[in-house]
Amino acid sequence: MSDDKRTISRGGRGHTAGYSQTTVRCPDPASKITRELLNLYRDKFQYESPDAANKFLQDVLDFAEKHHAGNTDTRESNHTAMDDVITNIQDGKPGYKRNSASKLIADILAISETHTA
């Protein structure tokens, strides 16, 4: 997980986020991962679209359910993720360019997390 600080609108104290918010109790061991997932969701919501953010959440949930059921091979998902990263670099998508690689960095860190898990 990345420790980099993003400038992502979160709402609260006089600021309104573009999405509804709620408070949920989270087990302490899962807190760091949950916060990182929320930051990635916010990043997608702010810099791409609400649809991209919702797709991200669905993809994460689908993967988690398969992993919980023992139906995933992380090498296969890493291969697909790397293909997506390479395509995004080749297409010159925002966040994957030489001078602005924020999304590339986030994707590589996510892949490295699944590789070491």
C-alpha atoms as a PDB file:
ATOM      1  CA  MET A   1       0.000   0.000   0.000  1.00  0.00           C
ATOM      2  CA  SER A   2       1.169   3.430  -0.734  1.00  0.00           C
ATOM      3  CA  ASP A   3       1.924   6.073   1.858  1.00  0.00           C
ATOM      4  CA  ASP A   4       1.837   8.889  -0.685  1.00  0.00           C
ATOM      5  CA  LYS A   5      -0.474  11.782   0.151  1.00  0.00           C
ATOM      6  CA  ARG A   6      -3.023  12.576  -2.515  1.00  0.00           C
ATOM      7  CA  THR A   7      -5.049  15.744  -2.791  1.00  0.00           C
ATOM      8  CA  ILE A   8      -8.471  14.166  -2.896  1.00  0.00           C
ATOM      9  CA  SER A   9     -11.644  15.957  -1.853  1.00  0.00           C
ATOM     10  CA  ARG A  10     -13.089  14.082   1.075  1.00  0.00           C
ATOM     11  CA  GLY A  11     -15.818  16.388   2.280  1.00  0.00           C
ATOM     12  CA  GLY A  12     -16.289  17.203   5.952  1.00  0.00           C
ATOM     13  CA  ARG A  13     -15.844  20.446   7.908  1.00  0.00           C
ATOM     14  CA  GLY A  14     -17.312  22.855   5.397  1.00  0.00           C
ATOM     15  CA  HIS A  15     -16.486  20.789   2.312  1.00  0.00           C
ATOM     16  CA  THR A  16     -18.867  18.543   0.444  1.00  0.00           C
ATOM     17  CA  ALA A  17     -17.699  15.405  -1.303  1.00  0.00           C
ATOM     18  CA  GLY A  18     -19.352  14.380  -4.545  1.00  0.00           C
ATOM     19  CA  TYR A  19     -20.560  11.121  -3.033  1.00  0.00           C
ATOM     20  CA  SER A  20     -22.635  10.172  -0.009  1.00  0.00           C
ATOM     21  CA  GLN A  21     -20.732   9.179   3.095  1.00  0.00           C
ATOM     22  CA  THR A  22     -21.330   6.943   6.079  1.00  0.00           C
ATOM     23  CA  THR A  23     -19.507   5.752   9.158  1.00  0.00           C
ATOM     24  CA  VAL A  24     -18.753   2.040   9.479  1.00  0.00           C
ATOM     25  CA  ARG A  25     -16.813   0.265  12.209  1.00  0.00           C
ATOM     26  CA  CYS A  26     -13.836  -1.575  10.769  1.00  0.00           C
ATOM     27  CA  PRO A  27     -11.636  -4.175  12.469  1.00  0.00           C
ATOM     28  CA  ASP A  28      -8.290  -2.577  13.297  1.00  0.00           C
ATOM     29  CA  PRO A  29      -6.196  -5.056  11.241  1.00  0.00           C
ATOM     30  CA  ALA A  30      -8.253  -4.208   8.125  1.00  0.00           C
ATOM     31  CA  SER A  31      -8.259  -0.451   8.733  1.00  0.00           C
ATOM     32  CA  LYS A  32      -5.118   0.406   6.746  1.00  0.00           C
ATOM     33  CA  ILE A  33      -6.234  -1.603   3.713  1.00  0.00           C
ATOM     34  CA  THR A  34      -9.754  -0.182   3.932  1.00  0.00           C
ATOM     35  CA  ARG A  35      -8.396   3.371   3.997  1.00  0.00           C
ATOM     36  CA  GLU A  36      -6.225   2.685   0.955  1.00  0.00           C
ATOM     37  CA  LEU A  37      -9.201   1.241  -0.945  1.00  0.00           C
ATOM     38  CA  LEU A  38     -11.235   4.319  -0.033  1.00  0.00           C
ATOM     39  CA  ASN A  39      -8.430   6.586  -1.265  1.00  0.00           C
ATOM     40  CA  LEU A  40      -8.318   4.685  -4.564  1.00  0.00           C
ATOM     41  CA  TYR A  41     -12.116   4.976  -4.847  1.00  0.00           C
ATOM     42  CA  ARG A  42     -11.944   8.726  -4.182  1.00  0.00           C
ATOM     43  CA  ASP A  43      -9.154   9.072  -6.741  1.00  0.00           C
ATOM     44  CA  LYS A  44     -11.216   7.306  -9.408  1.00  0.00           C
ATOM     45  CA  PHE A  45     -14.320   9.329  -8.471  1.00  0.00           C
ATOM     46  CA  GLN A  46     -12.504  12.665  -8.571  1.00  0.00           C
ATOM     47  CA  TYR A  47     -10.222  12.167 -11.567  1.00  0.00           C
ATOM     48  CA  GLU A  48     -12.210   9.761 -13.735  1.00  0.00           C
ATOM     49  CA  SER A  49     -15.926   9.458 -13.009  1.00  0.00           C
ATOM     50  CA  PRO A  50     -18.449   8.077 -10.521  1.00  0.00           C
ATOM     51  CA  ASP A  51     -18.967   5.142 -12.912  1.00  0.00           C
ATOM     52  CA  ALA A  52     -15.232   4.360 -12.906  1.00  0.00           C
ATOM     53  CA  ALA A  53     -15.220   4.538  -9.097  1.00  0.00           C
ATOM     54  CA  ASN A  54     -18.186   2.179  -8.846  1.00  0.00           C
ATOM     55  CA  LYS A  55     -16.609  -0.241 -11.343  1.00  0.00           C
ATOM     56  CA  PHE A  56     -13.432  -0.197  -9.258  1.00  0.00           C
ATOM     57  CA  LEU A  57     -15.420  -1.152  -6.140  1.00  0.00           C
ATOM     58  CA  GLN A  58     -17.241  -3.927  -7.984  1.00  0.00           C
ATOM     59  CA  ASP A  59     -13.957  -5.302  -9.365  1.00  0.00           C
ATOM     60  CA  VAL A  60     -12.444  -5.291  -5.870  1.00  0.00           C
ATOM     61  CA  LEU A  61     -15.515  -7.022  -4.422  1.00  0.00           C
ATOM     62  CA  ASP A  62     -15.563  -9.633  -7.197  1.00  0.00           C
ATOM     63  CA  PHE A  63     -11.881 -10.375  -6.666  1.00  0.00           C
ATOM     64  CA  ALA A  64     -12.304 -10.539  -2.863  1.00  0.00           C
ATOM     65  CA  GLU A  65     -15.226 -12.948  -3.166  1.00  0.00           C
ATOM     66  CA  LYS A  66     -13.279 -15.204  -5.539  1.00  0.00           C
ATOM     67  CA  HIS A  67     -10.226 -15.040  -3.302  1.00  0.00           C
ATOM     68  CA  HIS A  68     -12.323 -15.891  -0.246  1.00  0.00           C
ATOM     69  CA  ALA A  69     -13.763 -18.887  -2.094  1.00  0.00           C
ATOM     70  CA  GLY A  70     -10.261 -19.940  -3.198  1.00  0.00           C
ATOM     71  CA  ASN A  71     -10.996 -19.383  -6.885  1.00  0.00           C
ATOM     72  CA  THR A  72      -8.222 -16.950  -7.776  1.00  0.00           C
ATOM     73  CA  ASP A  73      -4.723 -17.213  -9.029  1.00  0.00           C
ATOM     74  CA  THR A  74      -2.947 -13.958  -8.198  1.00  0.00           C
ATOM     75  CA  ARG A  75      -0.473 -14.525 -11.006  1.00  0.00           C
ATOM     76  CA  GLU A  76      -3.329 -14.541 -13.508  1.00  0.00           C
ATOM     77  CA  SER A  77      -4.873 -11.368 -12.074  1.00  0.00           C
ATOM     78  CA  ASN A  78      -1.445  -9.701 -11.988  1.00  0.00           C
ATOM     79  CA  HIS A  79      -0.927 -10.605 -15.639  1.00  0.00           C
ATOM     80  CA  THR A  80      -4.260  -9.025 -16.579  1.00  0.00           C
ATOM     81  CA  ALA A  81      -3.498  -5.962 -14.457  1.00  0.00           C
ATOM     82  CA  MET A  82      -0.081  -5.564 -16.104  1.00  0.00           C
ATOM     83  CA  ASP A  83      -1.683  -5.832 -19.554  1.00  0.00           C
ATOM     84  CA  ASP A  84      -4.074  -3.034 -18.574  1.00  0.00           C
ATOM     85  CA  VAL A  85      -1.207  -0.864 -17.315  1.00  0.00           C
ATOM     86  CA  ILE A  86       0.795  -1.406 -20.518  1.00  0.00           C
ATOM     87  CA  THR A  87      -2.238  -0.564 -22.668  1.00  0.00           C
ATOM     88  CA  ASN A  88      -2.853   2.618 -20.674  1.00  0.00           C
ATOM     89  CA  ILE A  89       0.790   3.672 -21.091  1.00  0.00           C
ATOM     90  CA  GLN A  90       0.698   2.976 -24.828  1.00  0.00           C
ATOM     91  CA  ASP A  91      -2.569   4.911 -25.192  1.00  0.00           C
ATOM     92  CA  GLY A  92      -1.084   7.851 -23.284  1.00  0.00           C
ATOM     93  CA  LYS A  93      -4.018   7.987 -20.888  1.00  0.00           C
ATOM     94  CA  PRO A  94      -3.975  10.656 -18.149  1.00  0.00           C
ATOM     95  CA  GLY A  95      -1.969   9.464 -15.170  1.00  0.00           C
ATOM     96  CA  TYR A  96       0.177   7.186 -17.350  1.00  0.00           C
ATOM     97  CA  LYS A  97       2.335   9.783 -19.090  1.00  0.00           C
ATOM     98  CA  ARG A  98       6.004  10.520 -18.504  1.00  0.00           C
ATOM     99  CA  ASN A  99       5.372  13.738 -16.552  1.00  0.00           C
ATOM    100  CA  SER A 100       2.305  12.553 -14.658  1.00  0.00           C
ATOM    101  CA  ALA A 101       2.360   8.917 -13.679  1.00  0.00           C
ATOM    102  CA  SER A 102       0.124   8.976 -10.604  1.00  0.00           C
ATOM    103  CA  LYS A 103      -2.230   6.257 -11.833  1.00  0.00           C
ATOM    104  CA  LEU A 104       0.676   4.158 -13.090  1.00  0.00           C
ATOM    105  CA  ILE A 105       2.279   4.336  -9.652  1.00  0.00           C
ATOM    106  CA  ALA A 106      -0.998   3.381  -7.931  1.00  0.00           C
ATOM    107  CA  ASP A 107      -1.511   0.447 -10.325  1.00  0.00           C
ATOM    108  CA  ILE A 108       2.025  -0.869  -9.867  1.00  0.00           C
ATOM    109  CA  LEU A 109       1.735  -0.601  -6.076  1.00  0.00           C
ATOM    110  CA  ALA A 110      -1.574  -2.480  -6.182  1.00  0.00           C
ATOM    111  CA  ILE A 111      -0.027  -5.226  -8.309  1.00  0.00           C
ATOM    112  CA  SER A 112       2.963  -5.483  -5.968  1.00  0.00           C
ATOM    113  CA  GLU A 113       0.602  -5.837  -2.993  1.00  0.00           C
ATOM    114  CA  THR A 114      -1.224  -8.789  -4.604  1.00  0.00           C
ATOM    115  CA  HIS A 115       2.117 -10.328  -5.576  1.00  0.00           C
ATOM    116  CA  THR A 116       3.445 -10.241  -2.010  1.00  0.00           C
ATOM    117  CA  ALA A 117       0.152 -11.300  -0.414  1.00  0.00           C
END
